[in-house]
Amino acid sequence: MTTRNIISVTELPIRLGQFLKYANLVQDGFEAKIQIQHGEVCLNGQIETQRGKQLAAGDVITYQGEDYYVETADK
């Protein structure tokens, strides 16, 4: 059985670099920048090299072989 990694964010849109930090996938913004620029991050199945790319609910980020689903947290 595959675990579905759902990351609930408080506000959308959120930028890709911010999302990686928020989800604790990277330690800081510099690491996020490097990982994104080196093509290590996919957005909805496509390599994304813009760390400022805005994400919306339903987007899927793939990093290190794992999928992370963007969701809005209930207020």
N, C-alpha and C. Protein backbone atom coordinates (compact mmCIF):
# COMPACT_ATOMS: atom_id res chain seq x y z
N MET A 1 0.85 -1.18 0.00
CA MET A 1 0.00 0.00 0.00
C MET A 1 0.89 1.24 0.00
N THR A 2 0.57 2.18 -0.88
CA THR A 2 1.36 3.40 -1.01
C THR A 2 0.80 4.48 -0.09
N THR A 3 1.69 5.17 0.61
CA THR A 3 1.28 6.27 1.46
C THR A 3 1.09 7.50 0.60
N ARG A 4 0.02 8.19 0.83
CA ARG A 4 -0.25 9.43 0.10
C ARG A 4 0.21 10.59 0.97
N ASN A 5 1.24 11.30 0.51
CA ASN A 5 1.80 12.42 1.26
C ASN A 5 1.01 13.68 0.94
N ILE A 6 0.08 14.03 1.82
CA ILE A 6 -0.73 15.22 1.63
C ILE A 6 -0.18 16.32 2.53
N ILE A 7 0.16 17.45 1.92
CA ILE A 7 0.68 18.59 2.67
C ILE A 7 -0.39 19.68 2.66
N SER A 8 -0.92 19.98 3.83
CA SER A 8 -1.95 21.02 3.95
C SER A 8 -1.28 22.35 4.26
N VAL A 9 -1.50 23.34 3.41
CA VAL A 9 -0.92 24.66 3.62
C VAL A 9 -2.03 25.61 4.04
N THR A 10 -1.66 26.64 4.80
CA THR A 10 -2.67 27.56 5.32
C THR A 10 -3.12 28.57 4.29
N GLU A 11 -2.23 28.95 3.36
CA GLU A 11 -2.59 29.93 2.35
C GLU A 11 -2.10 29.52 0.99
N LEU A 12 -2.95 29.67 0.01
CA LEU A 12 -2.58 29.43 -1.39
C LEU A 12 -2.80 30.72 -2.16
N PRO A 13 -2.02 31.00 -3.18
CA PRO A 13 -0.97 30.13 -3.70
C PRO A 13 0.28 30.19 -2.80
N ILE A 14 1.11 29.16 -2.94
CA ILE A 14 2.40 29.10 -2.26
C ILE A 14 3.43 28.82 -3.34
N ARG A 15 4.60 29.39 -3.19
CA ARG A 15 5.66 29.18 -4.19
C ARG A 15 6.34 27.85 -3.94
N LEU A 16 6.88 27.29 -5.02
CA LEU A 16 7.49 25.96 -4.96
C LEU A 16 8.60 25.89 -3.92
N GLY A 17 9.51 26.85 -3.90
CA GLY A 17 10.59 26.85 -2.91
C GLY A 17 10.06 26.91 -1.49
N GLN A 18 9.03 27.72 -1.27
CA GLN A 18 8.41 27.82 0.06
C GLN A 18 7.76 26.50 0.45
N PHE A 19 7.13 25.86 -0.53
CA PHE A 19 6.48 24.57 -0.26
C PHE A 19 7.49 23.53 0.20
N LEU A 20 8.64 23.46 -0.47
CA LEU A 20 9.66 22.48 -0.08
C LEU A 20 10.12 22.70 1.36
N LYS A 21 10.26 23.97 1.75
CA LYS A 21 10.63 24.28 3.14
C LYS A 21 9.49 23.94 4.09
N TYR A 22 8.27 24.34 3.74
CA TYR A 22 7.09 24.11 4.58
C TYR A 22 6.88 22.62 4.85
N ALA A 23 7.13 21.80 3.84
CA ALA A 23 6.94 20.35 3.96
C ALA A 23 8.16 19.66 4.58
N ASN A 24 9.16 20.43 4.98
CA ASN A 24 10.39 19.90 5.58
C ASN A 24 11.13 18.95 4.64
N LEU A 25 11.08 19.24 3.35
CA LEU A 25 11.80 18.43 2.37
C LEU A 25 13.22 18.94 2.17
N VAL A 26 13.44 20.22 2.50
CA VAL A 26 14.76 20.83 2.45
C VAL A 26 14.94 21.63 3.73
N GLN A 27 16.21 21.97 4.04
CA GLN A 27 16.48 22.69 5.28
C GLN A 27 16.23 24.18 5.18
N ASP A 28 16.50 24.76 4.00
CA ASP A 28 16.36 26.20 3.86
C ASP A 28 16.13 26.58 2.40
N GLY A 29 15.96 27.88 2.18
CA GLY A 29 15.69 28.38 0.84
C GLY A 29 16.81 28.13 -0.14
N PHE A 30 18.05 28.18 0.35
CA PHE A 30 19.19 27.93 -0.53
C PHE A 30 19.17 26.50 -1.05
N GLU A 31 18.92 25.55 -0.16
CA GLU A 31 18.85 24.15 -0.59
C GLU A 31 17.69 23.95 -1.57
N ALA A 32 16.56 24.60 -1.31
CA ALA A 32 15.42 24.51 -2.24
C ALA A 32 15.82 25.03 -3.61
N LYS A 33 16.48 26.16 -3.64
CA LYS A 33 16.92 26.77 -4.90
C LYS A 33 17.82 25.82 -5.68
N ILE A 34 18.78 25.21 -5.02
CA ILE A 34 19.73 24.30 -5.68
C ILE A 34 19.00 23.08 -6.22
N GLN A 35 18.15 22.46 -5.41
CA GLN A 35 17.43 21.27 -5.83
C GLN A 35 16.54 21.55 -7.04
N ILE A 36 15.85 22.69 -7.01
CA ILE A 36 14.96 23.06 -8.11
C ILE A 36 15.77 23.36 -9.37
N GLN A 37 16.83 24.15 -9.25
CA GLN A 37 17.65 24.51 -10.41
C GLN A 37 18.31 23.30 -11.05
N HIS A 38 18.61 22.28 -10.27
CA HIS A 38 19.25 21.08 -10.80
C HIS A 38 18.25 20.06 -11.34
N GLY A 39 16.98 20.44 -11.41
CA GLY A 39 15.97 19.57 -12.00
C GLY A 39 15.57 18.40 -11.13
N GLU A 40 15.71 18.53 -9.83
CA GLU A 40 15.39 17.45 -8.90
C GLU A 40 13.93 17.46 -8.46
N VAL A 41 13.16 18.47 -8.90
CA VAL A 41 11.77 18.62 -8.46
C VAL A 41 10.85 18.62 -9.67
N CYS A 42 9.78 17.84 -9.59
CA CYS A 42 8.76 17.82 -10.65
C CYS A 42 7.46 18.41 -10.11
N LEU A 43 6.77 19.13 -10.98
CA LEU A 43 5.46 19.66 -10.67
C LEU A 43 4.48 19.06 -11.67
N ASN A 44 3.53 18.30 -11.17
CA ASN A 44 2.53 17.64 -12.01
C ASN A 44 3.16 16.84 -13.15
N GLY A 45 4.24 16.12 -12.80
CA GLY A 45 4.88 15.22 -13.75
C GLY A 45 5.92 15.84 -14.67
N GLN A 46 6.15 17.15 -14.55
CA GLN A 46 7.13 17.84 -15.39
C GLN A 46 8.22 18.45 -14.51
N ILE A 47 9.47 18.37 -14.95
CA ILE A 47 10.56 19.01 -14.20
C ILE A 47 10.28 20.51 -14.16
N GLU A 48 10.39 21.07 -12.97
CA GLU A 48 10.15 22.50 -12.77
C GLU A 48 11.44 23.15 -12.25
N THR A 49 11.92 24.19 -12.93
CA THR A 49 13.17 24.84 -12.54
C THR A 49 12.95 26.25 -12.01
N GLN A 50 11.69 26.66 -11.84
CA GLN A 50 11.38 27.98 -11.29
C GLN A 50 10.97 27.84 -9.83
N ARG A 51 11.81 28.31 -8.92
CA ARG A 51 11.45 28.15 -7.51
C ARG A 51 10.29 29.05 -7.11
N GLY A 52 10.03 30.09 -7.90
CA GLY A 52 8.93 31.00 -7.61
C GLY A 52 7.61 30.57 -8.24
N LYS A 53 7.58 29.40 -8.87
CA LYS A 53 6.36 28.89 -9.49
C LYS A 53 5.28 28.76 -8.43
N GLN A 54 4.11 29.34 -8.70
CA GLN A 54 3.03 29.30 -7.72
C GLN A 54 2.24 28.00 -7.83
N LEU A 55 1.98 27.42 -6.66
CA LEU A 55 1.25 26.16 -6.58
C LEU A 55 -0.20 26.41 -6.19
N ALA A 56 -1.05 25.49 -6.57
CA ALA A 56 -2.47 25.56 -6.22
C ALA A 56 -2.89 24.22 -5.63
N ALA A 57 -4.04 24.20 -4.99
CA ALA A 57 -4.58 22.95 -4.45
C ALA A 57 -4.70 21.93 -5.59
N GLY A 58 -4.30 20.71 -5.30
CA GLY A 58 -4.36 19.64 -6.29
C GLY A 58 -3.06 19.41 -7.03
N ASP A 59 -2.12 20.35 -6.94
CA ASP A 59 -0.82 20.14 -7.58
C ASP A 59 -0.08 19.00 -6.90
N VAL A 60 0.75 18.30 -7.68
CA VAL A 60 1.54 17.20 -7.16
C VAL A 60 3.01 17.52 -7.38
N ILE A 61 3.77 17.54 -6.29
CA ILE A 61 5.21 17.78 -6.34
C ILE A 61 5.90 16.45 -6.12
N THR A 62 6.83 16.11 -7.00
CA THR A 62 7.61 14.88 -6.84
C THR A 62 9.03 15.27 -6.50
N TYR A 63 9.51 14.72 -5.39
CA TYR A 63 10.86 15.02 -4.92
C TYR A 63 11.44 13.75 -4.30
N GLN A 64 12.61 13.37 -4.75
CA GLN A 64 13.30 12.17 -4.27
C GLN A 64 12.41 10.94 -4.34
N GLY A 65 11.68 10.81 -5.44
CA GLY A 65 10.88 9.62 -5.67
C GLY A 65 9.55 9.56 -4.94
N GLU A 66 9.22 10.60 -4.20
CA GLU A 66 7.96 10.63 -3.45
C GLU A 66 7.05 11.73 -4.01
N ASP A 67 5.76 11.47 -4.01
CA ASP A 67 4.78 12.46 -4.44
C ASP A 67 4.19 13.16 -3.22
N TYR A 68 4.05 14.49 -3.33
CA TYR A 68 3.47 15.31 -2.27
C TYR A 68 2.33 16.11 -2.87
N TYR A 69 1.15 15.98 -2.29
CA TYR A 69 -0.06 16.60 -2.80
C TYR A 69 -0.35 17.88 -2.03
N VAL A 70 -0.57 18.97 -2.76
CA VAL A 70 -0.86 20.27 -2.16
C VAL A 70 -2.35 20.34 -1.85
N GLU A 71 -2.66 20.74 -0.63
CA GLU A 71 -4.05 20.84 -0.19
C GLU A 71 -4.17 22.08 0.70
N THR A 72 -5.33 22.69 0.72
CA THR A 72 -5.58 23.83 1.60
C THR A 72 -6.04 23.32 2.95
N ALA A 73 -5.45 23.83 4.02
CA ALA A 73 -5.85 23.44 5.37
C ALA A 73 -7.21 24.03 5.68
N ASP A 74 -8.03 23.29 6.40
CA ASP A 74 -9.34 23.79 6.81
C ASP A 74 -9.14 24.91 7.84
N LYS A 75 -9.91 25.95 7.65
CA LYS A 75 -9.80 27.09 8.59
C LYS A 75 -10.87 27.02 9.63
